[in-house]
Amino acid sequence: MMKGKTVLLGVSGGIAAYKAAYVASGLTKMGCDVHVIMTPHAVNFINPITFETLTGNKCPVDTFDRNFEFHVEHVSLAKKADLCLIAPATANVLAKLAHGIADDMLTTTVLACRCPKIVFPAMNTRMYEAPVTQDNLETLRKYGYVVAEPDAGRLACGDVGAGKLPEPDVILDYARQAIEYEKDLSGLRLLVTAGPTQESIDPVRYITNHSTGSMGYAIARVASRRGASVTLVSGPTALEKPRFAETVNVVSAADMFREVTSRQAEQDIIIKAAAVADYRPSQVYEDKVKKGDGELSIPLSRTQDILQYLGEHRPEGQFLCGFSMETQNMLENSRKKLEKKKVDMIAANNLKVPGAGFGTATNVITIITKDSEEELPLLSKEETADRLLTAILRERGKKN
């Protein structure tokens, strides 16, 4: 978790420096101990008092400032930092960092840091695309820096192109990706499904369900933050795609079956959190079905059972977890599903339990294996995802 982590936020002299105040505020609200260091040019765009007020910590600018406790301040900050963010990172600062030039408080401190370092380039498009800038960014990557891609759009100078500093929420997402969790899933390939499917009746109508996909998306985010290489196969949702996972968009149950099964062999863990349609219209009409005076019956056919196929065809060592949404006899029905589908784990929840239904920010699940049942309390979906992934690692360890 982010609470108690020390984050060093470097702010250099660009018009986008104002966004750093939102980043500092966001990190502080997460419980981080935030230390902001500004270059001398940065104070022309935003006052250090802003950051000191937001973080509760002194915002140094001058390497030789005598108004501090007696220690070598740049080394002290570098030793404490769990993460170093530089946002905005101007072409000048990037060039200095790439070549080890430490001539101000920010570059001196960053040079002494051993923690993960992420730079967010922000400058005019021509400056960003200049070969020397691109060479400097490649040098930084070689030295282990993460270089975030800038946004494209209208810049302060009036030009249109790449070079905008990403929005604060994006920068915060990078921070969480870097240090929120231990990387205990590093080296593992994980596929998770999410969302509903849509089964067409005609060009206008389709059959679907109430799933929003939020549980599967939470699993994808947390798994990637814990170090897994994540593939998210998603039905239609209104959710923002997880930034650090590969997302494969599908519409129908047949689409999801194809995309999941074609990737099965390369996965270490598969979590089936999608609410896939069990039935589809037997016939899809080419034209809109017109309203008549009488009743209308739509013949339905079974869709292919993705989880059962995975259980019957999984390679040795692969861990399978399915989800079971019930309204009655949850444990009994989920245990039957565990055995019938030949999977290792079922995450079961009851739609009638407050906080466990579709479209909520929370969930209440029971983790079921062949030998155990673990009932989790009401948690946020990210907390639920974290607990589920921990249980999967534990059970996977027993198998392997």
Protein backbone atom coordinates (compact mmCIF):
# COMPACT_ATOMS: atom_id res chain seq x y z
CA MET A 1 0.00 0.00 0.00
CA MET A 2 1.04 3.61 -0.47
CA LYS A 3 0.62 4.65 3.17
CA GLY A 4 3.98 5.38 4.78
CA LYS A 5 5.93 5.37 1.50
CA THR A 6 8.34 8.25 0.93
CA VAL A 7 8.02 9.85 -2.49
CA LEU A 8 10.43 12.42 -3.89
CA LEU A 9 8.70 14.69 -6.42
CA GLY A 10 11.01 16.74 -8.62
CA VAL A 11 9.55 19.80 -10.33
CA SER A 12 11.46 21.51 -13.12
CA GLY A 13 10.80 24.79 -14.90
CA GLY A 14 7.94 24.27 -17.33
CA ILE A 15 4.46 25.70 -17.69
CA ALA A 16 3.01 22.33 -16.63
CA ALA A 17 4.56 22.69 -13.17
CA TYR A 18 1.13 23.62 -11.79
CA LYS A 19 -0.01 20.00 -12.30
CA ALA A 20 2.64 18.87 -9.82
CA ALA A 21 0.59 20.47 -7.03
CA TYR A 22 -2.26 18.06 -7.78
CA VAL A 23 0.22 15.17 -7.82
CA ALA A 24 1.66 16.19 -4.46
CA SER A 25 -1.83 16.52 -3.01
CA GLY A 26 -2.91 13.13 -4.38
CA LEU A 27 0.15 11.35 -3.00
CA THR A 28 -0.35 12.99 0.39
CA LYS A 29 -3.99 11.85 0.48
CA MET A 30 -2.77 8.29 -0.16
CA GLY A 31 -0.70 8.54 3.01
CA CYS A 32 2.69 9.11 1.39
CA ASP A 33 5.41 11.24 2.94
CA VAL A 34 5.98 13.60 0.01
CA HIS A 35 9.11 15.69 -0.43
CA VAL A 36 9.13 18.16 -3.31
CA ILE A 37 12.36 19.54 -4.77
CA MET A 38 12.21 22.36 -7.29
CA THR A 39 14.76 23.66 -9.75
CA PRO A 40 15.49 27.40 -9.59
CA HIS A 41 13.60 27.88 -12.86
CA ALA A 42 10.52 26.08 -11.52
CA VAL A 43 9.84 28.80 -8.92
CA ASN A 44 8.99 31.13 -11.81
CA PHE A 45 5.89 28.97 -12.46
CA ILE A 46 4.76 27.90 -8.97
CA ASN A 47 5.74 28.96 -5.45
CA PRO A 48 7.47 26.47 -3.09
CA ILE A 49 5.01 27.51 -0.37
CA THR A 50 2.28 25.71 -2.34
CA PHE A 51 4.10 22.39 -2.00
CA GLU A 52 5.08 23.00 1.62
CA THR A 53 1.44 23.62 2.47
CA LEU A 54 0.24 20.52 0.62
CA THR A 55 2.88 18.12 1.96
CA GLY A 56 3.87 19.54 5.34
CA ASN A 57 7.54 19.27 4.33
CA LYS A 58 10.11 21.90 3.40
CA CYS A 59 10.51 22.35 -0.36
CA PRO A 60 14.21 22.86 -1.05
CA VAL A 61 15.46 24.72 -4.10
CA ASP A 62 18.98 25.81 -3.22
CA THR A 63 21.58 23.10 -2.61
CA PHE A 64 23.43 25.44 -0.24
CA ASP A 65 20.41 26.62 1.76
CA ARG A 66 21.53 26.84 5.43
CA ASN A 67 17.98 26.80 6.83
CA PHE A 68 17.71 23.05 7.54
CA GLU A 69 18.64 20.45 10.13
CA PHE A 70 22.35 19.58 10.11
CA HIS A 71 22.69 16.77 7.60
CA VAL A 72 23.62 16.56 3.96
CA GLU A 73 20.10 17.21 2.74
CA HIS A 74 20.25 15.86 -0.80
CA VAL A 75 21.78 12.57 0.40
CA SER A 76 19.31 12.33 3.29
CA LEU A 77 16.31 12.73 0.95
CA ALA A 78 17.77 10.25 -1.54
CA LYS A 79 18.21 7.62 1.17
CA LYS A 80 14.63 8.00 2.42
CA ALA A 81 12.92 7.87 -0.95
CA ASP A 82 10.95 4.79 -2.02
CA LEU A 83 10.17 6.44 -5.36
CA CYS A 84 11.39 9.42 -7.34
CA LEU A 85 9.05 11.19 -9.78
CA ILE A 86 10.11 14.10 -11.97
CA ALA A 87 7.07 15.91 -13.32
CA PRO A 88 7.41 17.97 -15.37
CA ALA A 89 10.83 16.93 -16.69
CA THR A 90 12.15 19.58 -19.07
CA ALA A 91 14.60 18.87 -21.89
CA ASN A 92 17.29 20.58 -19.83
CA VAL A 93 16.76 18.43 -16.72
CA LEU A 94 16.51 15.26 -18.80
CA ALA A 95 19.83 16.06 -20.46
CA LYS A 96 21.47 16.63 -17.08
CA LEU A 97 20.13 13.39 -15.63
CA ALA A 98 21.16 11.38 -18.69
CA HIS A 99 24.76 12.56 -18.38
CA GLY A 100 25.18 12.69 -14.61
CA ILE A 101 25.31 16.47 -14.31
CA ALA A 102 24.37 17.42 -10.75
CA ASP A 103 24.42 21.20 -10.48
CA ASP A 104 21.29 21.94 -8.48
CA MET A 105 19.34 20.44 -5.58
CA LEU A 106 17.07 18.32 -7.81
CA THR A 107 19.70 16.74 -10.08
CA THR A 108 22.08 16.22 -7.14
CA THR A 109 19.43 14.39 -5.13
CA VAL A 110 18.21 12.26 -8.05
CA LEU A 111 21.77 11.19 -8.83
CA ALA A 112 22.05 9.85 -5.27
CA CYS A 113 18.72 7.96 -5.39
CA ARG A 114 18.71 4.14 -5.53
CA CYS A 115 14.91 3.85 -5.68
CA PRO A 116 12.77 3.52 -8.84
CA LYS A 117 12.82 6.72 -10.89
CA ILE A 118 10.13 7.86 -13.33
CA VAL A 119 10.44 10.91 -15.57
CA PHE A 120 7.54 12.68 -17.28
CA PRO A 121 8.87 14.69 -20.24
CA ALA A 122 7.03 17.96 -20.91
CA MET A 123 8.17 20.41 -23.56
CA ASN A 124 7.52 21.78 -27.04
CA THR A 125 6.96 19.07 -29.66
CA ARG A 126 10.05 20.02 -31.66
CA MET A 127 12.19 19.87 -28.54
CA TYR A 128 10.72 16.50 -27.58
CA GLU A 129 11.22 15.02 -31.05
CA ALA A 130 14.76 16.42 -31.41
CA PRO A 131 17.25 13.56 -31.90
CA VAL A 132 19.36 14.67 -28.95
CA THR A 133 16.34 14.58 -26.62
CA GLN A 134 15.35 11.14 -27.87
CA ASP A 135 18.95 9.98 -27.34
CA ASN A 136 18.86 11.32 -23.78
CA LEU A 137 15.59 9.49 -23.08
CA GLU A 138 17.08 6.27 -24.41
CA THR A 139 20.12 6.79 -22.17
CA LEU A 140 17.85 7.23 -19.17
CA ARG A 141 16.04 3.98 -20.02
CA LYS A 142 19.42 2.27 -20.21
CA TYR A 143 20.17 3.48 -16.68
CA GLY A 144 16.90 2.06 -15.37
CA TYR A 145 14.64 5.10 -15.48
CA VAL A 146 11.01 4.64 -16.51
CA VAL A 147 10.18 7.20 -19.19
CA ALA A 148 6.47 7.97 -19.38
CA GLU A 149 5.10 8.93 -22.78
CA PRO A 150 3.86 12.53 -22.92
CA ASP A 151 0.32 13.32 -24.02
CA ALA A 152 -0.36 14.89 -27.39
CA GLY A 153 -2.52 17.94 -27.96
CA ARG A 154 -2.43 21.71 -27.98
CA LEU A 155 0.61 23.00 -26.11
CA ALA A 156 0.97 26.28 -24.22
CA CYS A 157 3.02 27.70 -27.09
CA GLY A 158 0.12 27.09 -29.47
CA ASP A 159 1.68 24.14 -31.30
CA VAL A 160 -0.15 20.84 -31.55
CA GLY A 161 1.71 17.60 -30.96
CA ALA A 162 3.43 15.40 -28.37
CA GLY A 163 4.91 17.03 -25.29
CA LYS A 164 2.06 17.64 -22.84
CA LEU A 165 2.52 16.53 -19.25
CA PRO A 166 -0.01 13.75 -18.52
CA GLU A 167 -2.87 14.53 -16.16
CA PRO A 168 -2.21 14.06 -12.41
CA ASP A 169 -4.29 10.86 -12.24
CA VAL A 170 -1.98 9.27 -14.81
CA ILE A 171 1.12 10.27 -12.86
CA LEU A 172 -0.42 8.87 -9.67
CA ASP A 173 -1.17 5.64 -11.52
CA TYR A 174 2.52 5.34 -12.44
CA ALA A 175 3.43 5.88 -8.79
CA ARG A 176 1.07 3.16 -7.60
CA GLN A 177 2.33 0.79 -10.29
CA ALA A 178 5.88 1.29 -9.07
CA ILE A 179 5.61 0.91 -5.30
CA GLU A 180 2.11 0.15 -4.02
CA TYR A 181 2.73 -3.61 -3.70
CA GLU A 182 5.60 -6.03 -3.44
CA LYS A 183 6.27 -7.62 -6.82
CA ASP A 184 5.40 -11.15 -5.68
CA LEU A 185 3.75 -11.97 -9.04
CA SER A 186 6.82 -10.95 -11.02
CA GLY A 187 7.58 -13.38 -13.83
CA LEU A 188 4.05 -14.79 -13.92
CA ARG A 189 1.66 -14.42 -16.87
CA LEU A 190 -1.93 -13.85 -15.77
CA LEU A 191 -5.08 -13.62 -17.86
CA VAL A 192 -8.30 -12.22 -16.41
CA THR A 193 -11.69 -11.86 -18.05
CA ALA A 194 -14.13 -9.10 -17.17
CA GLY A 195 -17.45 -7.52 -18.02
CA PRO A 196 -20.59 -8.80 -19.72
CA THR A 197 -21.00 -10.17 -23.22
CA GLN A 198 -23.58 -9.02 -25.74
CA GLU A 199 -25.46 -11.56 -27.85
CA SER A 200 -27.12 -9.94 -30.86
CA ILE A 201 -30.78 -10.49 -31.71
CA ASP A 202 -30.73 -8.15 -34.70
CA PRO A 203 -28.75 -5.00 -35.67
CA VAL A 204 -30.54 -3.03 -32.93
CA ARG A 205 -31.04 -5.35 -29.95
CA TYR A 206 -28.97 -7.75 -27.91
CA ILE A 207 -29.11 -9.89 -24.77
CA THR A 208 -26.71 -8.96 -21.95
CA ASN A 209 -26.52 -8.73 -18.14
CA HIS A 210 -25.82 -6.17 -15.40
CA SER A 211 -22.07 -6.74 -15.07
CA THR A 212 -19.94 -3.58 -15.17
CA GLY A 213 -16.58 -5.38 -15.29
CA SER A 214 -15.24 -3.54 -12.24
CA MET A 215 -14.17 -6.69 -10.35
CA GLY A 216 -12.17 -8.07 -13.27
CA TYR A 217 -10.60 -4.67 -13.93
CA ALA A 218 -9.59 -4.40 -10.28
CA ILE A 219 -7.92 -7.82 -10.50
CA ALA A 220 -6.05 -6.74 -13.63
CA ARG A 221 -4.81 -3.51 -12.00
CA VAL A 222 -3.70 -5.13 -8.75
CA ALA A 223 -2.05 -8.10 -10.50
CA SER A 224 -0.01 -5.76 -12.71
CA ARG A 225 0.97 -3.67 -9.66
CA ARG A 226 2.16 -6.88 -8.01
CA GLY A 227 4.40 -7.56 -10.99
CA ALA A 228 2.42 -9.95 -13.21
CA SER A 229 2.31 -9.67 -16.98
CA VAL A 230 -1.44 -9.19 -17.35
CA THR A 231 -3.81 -9.77 -20.25
CA LEU A 232 -7.35 -8.50 -19.72
CA VAL A 233 -10.02 -9.93 -22.03
CA SER A 234 -12.94 -7.53 -21.61
CA GLY A 235 -16.52 -7.48 -22.74
CA PRO A 236 -18.17 -4.09 -23.40
CA THR A 237 -17.76 -1.77 -20.39
CA ALA A 238 -17.60 1.95 -19.66
CA LEU A 239 -14.42 1.54 -17.59
CA GLU A 240 -11.01 3.04 -18.30
CA LYS A 241 -8.63 0.35 -19.51
CA PRO A 242 -5.87 -0.59 -17.03
CA ARG A 243 -2.79 1.30 -18.15
CA PHE A 244 -0.28 -1.45 -17.45
CA ALA A 245 -2.16 -4.46 -18.81
CA GLU A 246 -2.77 -5.65 -22.35
CA THR A 247 -6.49 -5.28 -23.03
CA VAL A 248 -8.30 -7.40 -25.59
CA ASN A 249 -11.80 -6.15 -26.33
CA VAL A 250 -14.55 -8.61 -27.23
CA VAL A 251 -18.32 -8.43 -27.62
CA SER A 252 -19.92 -11.88 -27.64
CA ALA A 253 -19.37 -15.10 -25.72
CA ALA A 254 -17.96 -16.64 -28.91
CA ASP A 255 -15.47 -13.76 -29.18
CA MET A 256 -14.37 -14.27 -25.59
CA PHE A 257 -14.07 -18.03 -26.03
CA ARG A 258 -11.80 -17.51 -29.05
CA GLU A 259 -9.56 -14.88 -27.44
CA VAL A 260 -9.20 -16.70 -24.11
CA THR A 261 -8.60 -20.20 -25.45
CA SER A 262 -6.09 -18.97 -28.04
CA ARG A 263 -4.00 -17.51 -25.20
CA GLN A 264 -4.47 -20.29 -22.64
CA ALA A 265 -1.25 -22.18 -23.27
CA GLU A 266 0.99 -19.22 -22.40
CA GLN A 267 -0.66 -18.33 -19.09
CA ASP A 268 0.41 -19.32 -15.57
CA ILE A 269 -2.85 -18.13 -13.98
CA ILE A 270 -6.30 -17.58 -15.49
CA ILE A 271 -9.07 -15.84 -13.54
CA LYS A 272 -12.52 -15.96 -15.12
CA ALA A 273 -14.33 -12.97 -13.63
CA ALA A 274 -16.48 -12.13 -16.68
CA ALA A 275 -20.24 -12.60 -16.65
CA VAL A 276 -20.44 -14.52 -19.91
CA ALA A 277 -23.86 -15.19 -21.45
CA ASP A 278 -24.97 -18.81 -21.05
CA TYR A 279 -27.35 -18.52 -24.00
CA ARG A 280 -27.42 -16.67 -27.32
CA PRO A 281 -30.20 -16.19 -29.87
CA SER A 282 -30.28 -19.19 -32.18
CA GLN A 283 -30.74 -16.84 -35.12
CA VAL A 284 -29.36 -13.34 -35.60
CA TYR A 285 -31.64 -11.36 -37.89
CA GLU A 286 -30.07 -9.25 -40.63
CA ASP A 287 -32.75 -6.56 -40.27
CA LYS A 288 -34.54 -5.11 -37.27
CA VAL A 289 -37.34 -7.36 -36.01
CA LYS A 290 -40.50 -5.29 -36.26
CA LYS A 291 -42.97 -5.04 -33.42
CA GLY A 292 -46.15 -7.07 -33.87
CA ASP A 293 -49.45 -7.29 -31.99
CA GLY A 294 -48.76 -10.68 -30.40
CA GLU A 295 -46.11 -12.15 -28.12
CA LEU A 296 -42.58 -12.79 -29.38
CA SER A 297 -40.47 -15.83 -28.55
CA ILE A 298 -36.73 -15.90 -29.27
CA PRO A 299 -35.20 -19.41 -29.45
CA LEU A 300 -31.91 -19.56 -27.54
CA SER A 301 -28.89 -21.84 -27.91
CA ARG A 302 -26.16 -22.61 -25.37
CA THR A 303 -22.89 -20.78 -25.69
CA GLN A 304 -19.58 -22.58 -25.33
CA ASP A 305 -18.55 -22.95 -21.68
CA ILE A 306 -15.19 -21.20 -21.49
CA LEU A 307 -14.28 -22.24 -17.94
CA GLN A 308 -15.12 -25.89 -18.56
CA TYR A 309 -13.00 -25.88 -21.73
CA LEU A 310 -10.09 -24.35 -19.82
CA GLY A 311 -10.39 -26.98 -17.10
CA GLU A 312 -10.38 -29.80 -19.63
CA HIS A 313 -7.47 -28.47 -21.68
CA ARG A 314 -5.19 -26.71 -19.24
CA PRO A 315 -1.45 -27.35 -19.39
CA GLU A 316 0.38 -28.77 -16.39
CA GLY A 317 0.94 -26.26 -13.60
CA GLN A 318 -1.64 -23.74 -14.76
CA PHE A 319 -3.89 -22.33 -12.00
CA LEU A 320 -7.56 -21.75 -12.80
CA CYS A 321 -9.95 -19.58 -10.77
CA GLY A 322 -13.58 -19.08 -11.69
CA PHE A 323 -16.25 -16.76 -10.30
CA SER A 324 -19.70 -17.84 -9.18
CA MET A 325 -22.50 -15.30 -8.79
CA GLU A 326 -25.45 -16.90 -6.97
CA THR A 327 -28.73 -15.86 -5.39
CA GLN A 328 -29.28 -19.02 -3.33
CA ASN A 329 -27.32 -22.08 -2.16
CA MET A 330 -24.09 -20.23 -2.90
CA LEU A 331 -21.64 -22.66 -1.30
CA GLU A 332 -23.34 -25.79 -2.59
CA ASN A 333 -23.65 -24.49 -6.15
CA SER A 334 -20.11 -23.13 -6.16
CA ARG A 335 -18.62 -26.42 -4.96
CA LYS A 336 -20.46 -28.22 -7.76
CA LYS A 337 -18.97 -25.73 -10.21
CA LEU A 338 -15.48 -26.27 -8.76
CA GLU A 339 -15.70 -30.02 -9.36
CA LYS A 340 -17.55 -29.98 -12.67
CA LYS A 341 -15.30 -27.38 -14.29
CA LYS A 342 -12.11 -28.98 -12.91
CA VAL A 343 -10.72 -25.73 -11.56
CA ASP A 344 -8.56 -24.95 -8.54
CA MET A 345 -10.60 -22.17 -6.98
CA ILE A 346 -13.99 -20.49 -7.09
CA ALA A 347 -14.60 -16.93 -5.88
CA ALA A 348 -18.27 -17.02 -4.91
CA ASN A 349 -20.60 -14.18 -4.05
CA ASN A 350 -24.30 -13.80 -3.40
CA LEU A 351 -26.09 -11.07 -5.34
CA LYS A 352 -28.51 -10.57 -2.43
CA VAL A 353 -25.78 -9.69 0.08
CA PRO A 354 -25.47 -5.89 0.50
CA GLY A 355 -22.31 -4.62 -1.19
CA ALA A 356 -21.81 -7.74 -3.30
CA GLY A 357 -23.98 -6.98 -6.31
CA PHE A 358 -23.29 -5.55 -9.73
CA GLY A 359 -22.27 -1.92 -10.09
CA THR A 360 -20.95 -1.46 -6.54
CA ALA A 361 -17.48 -0.31 -5.45
CA THR A 362 -17.31 -3.20 -2.97
CA ASN A 363 -17.60 -6.98 -2.93
CA VAL A 364 -18.15 -9.82 -0.48
CA ILE A 365 -16.68 -13.10 -1.66
CA THR A 366 -15.98 -16.55 -0.32
CA ILE A 367 -12.84 -18.21 -1.67
CA ILE A 368 -13.51 -21.91 -2.19
CA THR A 369 -10.97 -24.63 -2.91
CA LYS A 370 -11.21 -28.39 -2.71
CA ASP A 371 -10.11 -28.35 0.94
CA SER A 372 -11.08 -24.93 2.27
CA GLU A 373 -13.46 -22.00 2.40
CA GLU A 374 -12.38 -18.47 3.29
CA GLU A 375 -15.11 -15.88 3.72
CA LEU A 376 -13.86 -12.34 3.18
CA PRO A 377 -15.54 -9.31 4.76
CA LEU A 378 -16.99 -6.38 2.85
CA LEU A 379 -14.01 -4.86 1.02
CA SER A 380 -13.36 -2.51 -1.86
CA LYS A 381 -12.93 -4.35 -5.13
CA GLU A 382 -9.20 -3.59 -5.20
CA GLU A 383 -8.84 -4.95 -1.66
CA THR A 384 -10.86 -8.01 -2.69
CA ALA A 385 -8.60 -8.47 -5.72
CA ASP A 386 -5.52 -8.25 -3.51
CA ARG A 387 -6.84 -10.88 -1.07
CA LEU A 388 -7.88 -13.15 -3.94
CA LEU A 389 -4.46 -12.94 -5.59
CA THR A 390 -2.76 -13.71 -2.27
CA ALA A 391 -4.96 -16.79 -1.90
CA ILE A 392 -4.11 -17.89 -5.45
CA LEU A 393 -0.38 -17.55 -4.76
CA ARG A 394 -0.77 -19.58 -1.57
CA GLU A 395 -2.74 -22.39 -3.27
CA ARG A 396 -0.46 -22.34 -6.29
CA GLY A 397 2.49 -22.80 -3.97
CA LYS A 398 0.90 -25.91 -2.50
CA LYS A 399 0.46 -27.39 -5.98
CA ASN A 400 3.94 -26.57 -7.19
